[in-house]
Amino acid sequence: MVFLGDDILRWLVLALGAALAVGNILALTRPRPPGAAGEGLPRPPLGRSLVMVALGTLAAIWALASLVAG
């Protein structure tokens, strides 16, 4: 018997897609420390982050639909 049954790949795609989307959204919306415009972590590239959010969301929705459909 396999852990999580025959749906292990669907669960992994759901987890990785959701993590990709949420991680990039949080990186884009991270608050900046006041008065430290040039210090700290640099701002992530907007275009790449939006593409990663879209890909992660698409993968998560696809995996969720596959799990629901059976």
N, C-alpha and C. Protein backbone atom coordinates (compact mmCIF):
# COMPACT_ATOMS: atom_id res chain seq x y z
N MET A 1 0.84 -1.18 0.00
CA MET A 1 0.00 0.00 0.00
C MET A 1 0.89 1.25 0.00
N VAL A 2 0.58 2.16 -0.87
CA VAL A 2 1.35 3.38 -1.02
C VAL A 2 0.73 4.47 -0.15
N PHE A 3 1.59 5.27 0.47
CA PHE A 3 1.11 6.39 1.28
C PHE A 3 0.29 7.33 0.40
N LEU A 4 -0.90 7.69 0.82
CA LEU A 4 -1.86 8.51 0.09
C LEU A 4 -2.41 7.82 -1.15
N GLY A 5 -2.21 6.52 -1.28
CA GLY A 5 -2.81 5.77 -2.38
C GLY A 5 -2.19 6.08 -3.73
N ASP A 6 -3.01 5.91 -4.76
CA ASP A 6 -2.53 6.12 -6.11
C ASP A 6 -2.52 7.59 -6.50
N ASP A 7 -2.97 8.47 -5.62
CA ASP A 7 -3.06 9.90 -5.92
C ASP A 7 -1.85 10.70 -5.44
N ILE A 8 -0.75 10.04 -5.15
CA ILE A 8 0.40 10.74 -4.57
C ILE A 8 0.93 11.83 -5.50
N LEU A 9 0.96 11.58 -6.81
CA LEU A 9 1.46 12.57 -7.75
C LEU A 9 0.54 13.79 -7.79
N ARG A 10 -0.76 13.56 -7.73
CA ARG A 10 -1.71 14.68 -7.72
C ARG A 10 -1.55 15.53 -6.47
N TRP A 11 -1.35 14.88 -5.33
CA TRP A 11 -1.16 15.61 -4.08
C TRP A 11 0.15 16.42 -4.12
N LEU A 12 1.20 15.84 -4.70
CA LEU A 12 2.47 16.56 -4.79
C LEU A 12 2.37 17.77 -5.72
N VAL A 13 1.68 17.62 -6.84
CA VAL A 13 1.50 18.75 -7.76
C VAL A 13 0.67 19.84 -7.08
N LEU A 14 -0.34 19.45 -6.33
CA LEU A 14 -1.15 20.42 -5.60
C LEU A 14 -0.30 21.17 -4.58
N ALA A 15 0.51 20.46 -3.83
CA ALA A 15 1.34 21.09 -2.81
C ALA A 15 2.39 22.01 -3.42
N LEU A 16 3.06 21.55 -4.45
CA LEU A 16 4.11 22.36 -5.07
C LEU A 16 3.54 23.57 -5.81
N GLY A 17 2.43 23.39 -6.49
CA GLY A 17 1.80 24.51 -7.18
C GLY A 17 1.31 25.57 -6.21
N ALA A 18 0.67 25.14 -5.14
CA ALA A 18 0.19 26.10 -4.15
C ALA A 18 1.35 26.81 -3.46
N ALA A 19 2.42 26.08 -3.16
CA ALA A 19 3.58 26.70 -2.53
C ALA A 19 4.25 27.71 -3.46
N LEU A 20 4.30 27.40 -4.74
CA LEU A 20 4.89 28.32 -5.72
C LEU A 20 4.08 29.61 -5.81
N ALA A 21 2.76 29.47 -5.86
CA ALA A 21 1.90 30.65 -5.96
C ALA A 21 1.95 31.48 -4.68
N VAL A 22 1.75 30.85 -3.54
CA VAL A 22 1.70 31.58 -2.27
C VAL A 22 3.06 32.20 -1.94
N GLY A 23 4.13 31.49 -2.19
CA GLY A 23 5.46 32.02 -1.90
C GLY A 23 5.78 33.27 -2.69
N ASN A 24 5.42 33.27 -3.96
CA ASN A 24 5.68 34.45 -4.78
C ASN A 24 4.76 35.61 -4.43
N ILE A 25 3.51 35.31 -4.08
CA ILE A 25 2.60 36.38 -3.64
C ILE A 25 3.12 37.03 -2.36
N LEU A 26 3.59 36.22 -1.43
CA LEU A 26 4.12 36.76 -0.18
C LEU A 26 5.41 37.55 -0.41
N ALA A 27 6.24 37.12 -1.36
CA ALA A 27 7.46 37.86 -1.67
C ALA A 27 7.14 39.23 -2.27
N LEU A 28 6.08 39.28 -3.08
CA LEU A 28 5.70 40.56 -3.69
C LEU A 28 5.04 41.51 -2.70
N THR A 29 4.32 40.96 -1.73
CA THR A 29 3.58 41.81 -0.79
C THR A 29 4.29 42.01 0.54
N ARG A 30 5.52 41.55 0.64
CA ARG A 30 6.29 41.68 1.88
C ARG A 30 6.45 43.16 2.24
N PRO A 31 6.12 43.54 3.46
CA PRO A 31 6.28 44.96 3.83
C PRO A 31 7.75 45.34 3.93
N ARG A 32 8.04 46.54 3.53
CA ARG A 32 9.40 47.05 3.59
C ARG A 32 9.61 47.75 4.93
N PRO A 33 10.81 47.64 5.51
CA PRO A 33 11.06 48.35 6.76
C PRO A 33 11.04 49.86 6.52
N PRO A 34 10.44 50.62 7.43
CA PRO A 34 10.36 52.07 7.23
C PRO A 34 11.73 52.72 7.32
N GLY A 35 12.01 53.65 6.41
CA GLY A 35 13.25 54.39 6.43
C GLY A 35 14.45 53.65 5.90
N ALA A 36 14.28 52.44 5.41
CA ALA A 36 15.40 51.65 4.92
C ALA A 36 15.15 51.27 3.46
N ALA A 37 15.08 52.25 2.58
CA ALA A 37 14.74 52.00 1.18
C ALA A 37 15.81 51.18 0.48
N GLY A 38 17.08 51.43 0.74
CA GLY A 38 18.14 50.73 0.04
C GLY A 38 18.69 49.54 0.79
N GLU A 39 18.24 49.30 2.00
CA GLU A 39 18.77 48.22 2.81
C GLU A 39 17.87 46.99 2.76
N GLY A 40 18.35 45.90 3.23
CA GLY A 40 17.56 44.68 3.31
C GLY A 40 17.52 43.93 2.00
N LEU A 41 16.52 43.09 1.85
CA LEU A 41 16.39 42.28 0.66
C LEU A 41 15.90 43.11 -0.52
N PRO A 42 16.42 42.85 -1.71
CA PRO A 42 15.93 43.59 -2.89
C PRO A 42 14.53 43.11 -3.28
N ARG A 43 13.83 43.95 -3.99
CA ARG A 43 12.48 43.63 -4.46
C ARG A 43 12.58 42.55 -5.54
N PRO A 44 11.72 41.52 -5.49
CA PRO A 44 11.78 40.47 -6.51
C PRO A 44 11.31 41.02 -7.87
N PRO A 45 11.78 40.43 -8.97
CA PRO A 45 11.36 40.88 -10.30
C PRO A 45 9.85 40.65 -10.47
N LEU A 46 9.12 41.68 -10.85
CA LEU A 46 7.67 41.61 -10.94
C LEU A 46 7.21 40.65 -12.02
N GLY A 47 7.79 40.72 -13.20
CA GLY A 47 7.35 39.87 -14.31
C GLY A 47 7.53 38.39 -14.01
N ARG A 48 8.70 38.03 -13.53
CA ARG A 48 8.97 36.61 -13.22
C ARG A 48 8.06 36.13 -12.10
N SER A 49 7.85 36.97 -11.10
CA SER A 49 7.01 36.57 -9.98
C SER A 49 5.57 36.34 -10.41
N LEU A 50 5.05 37.20 -11.29
CA LEU A 50 3.68 37.04 -11.76
C LEU A 50 3.53 35.79 -12.62
N VAL A 51 4.56 35.47 -13.41
CA VAL A 51 4.52 34.22 -14.20
C VAL A 51 4.52 33.02 -13.27
N MET A 52 5.33 33.05 -12.22
CA MET A 52 5.38 31.94 -11.27
C MET A 52 4.06 31.79 -10.50
N VAL A 53 3.43 32.92 -10.16
CA VAL A 53 2.13 32.86 -9.50
C VAL A 53 1.11 32.21 -10.43
N ALA A 54 1.12 32.60 -11.70
CA ALA A 54 0.17 32.03 -12.65
C ALA A 54 0.41 30.53 -12.85
N LEU A 55 1.68 30.12 -13.00
CA LEU A 55 1.98 28.70 -13.18
C LEU A 55 1.62 27.87 -11.93
N GLY A 56 1.92 28.40 -10.76
CA GLY A 56 1.58 27.68 -9.53
C GLY A 56 0.08 27.57 -9.34
N THR A 57 -0.64 28.62 -9.64
CA THR A 57 -2.10 28.58 -9.53
C THR A 57 -2.70 27.59 -10.51
N LEU A 58 -2.21 27.60 -11.74
CA LEU A 58 -2.69 26.66 -12.75
C LEU A 58 -2.42 25.21 -12.33
N ALA A 59 -1.23 24.94 -11.84
CA ALA A 59 -0.90 23.58 -11.40
C ALA A 59 -1.76 23.15 -10.22
N ALA A 60 -1.99 24.05 -9.27
CA ALA A 60 -2.80 23.71 -8.10
C ALA A 60 -4.25 23.46 -8.49
N ILE A 61 -4.80 24.29 -9.37
CA ILE A 61 -6.19 24.10 -9.81
C ILE A 61 -6.33 22.79 -10.59
N TRP A 62 -5.36 22.52 -11.45
CA TRP A 62 -5.39 21.29 -12.23
C TRP A 62 -5.33 20.06 -11.32
N ALA A 63 -4.44 20.09 -10.35
CA ALA A 63 -4.31 18.96 -9.42
C ALA A 63 -5.56 18.80 -8.57
N LEU A 64 -6.14 19.91 -8.13
CA LEU A 64 -7.36 19.84 -7.34
C LEU A 64 -8.51 19.27 -8.16
N ALA A 65 -8.62 19.70 -9.42
CA ALA A 65 -9.66 19.16 -10.30
C ALA A 65 -9.45 17.67 -10.54
N SER A 66 -8.20 17.25 -10.67
CA SER A 66 -7.92 15.82 -10.87
C SER A 66 -8.28 15.00 -9.64
N LEU A 67 -8.03 15.57 -8.46
CA LEU A 67 -8.37 14.86 -7.23
C LEU A 67 -9.89 14.75 -7.06
N VAL A 68 -10.61 15.82 -7.38
CA VAL A 68 -12.06 15.81 -7.22
C VAL A 68 -12.71 14.87 -8.24
N ALA A 69 -12.19 14.87 -9.47
CA ALA A 69 -12.75 14.04 -10.51
C ALA A 69 -12.49 12.56 -10.28
N GLY A 70 -11.45 12.28 -9.53
CA GLY A 70 -11.18 10.89 -9.21
C GLY A 70 -10.18 10.34 -10.13
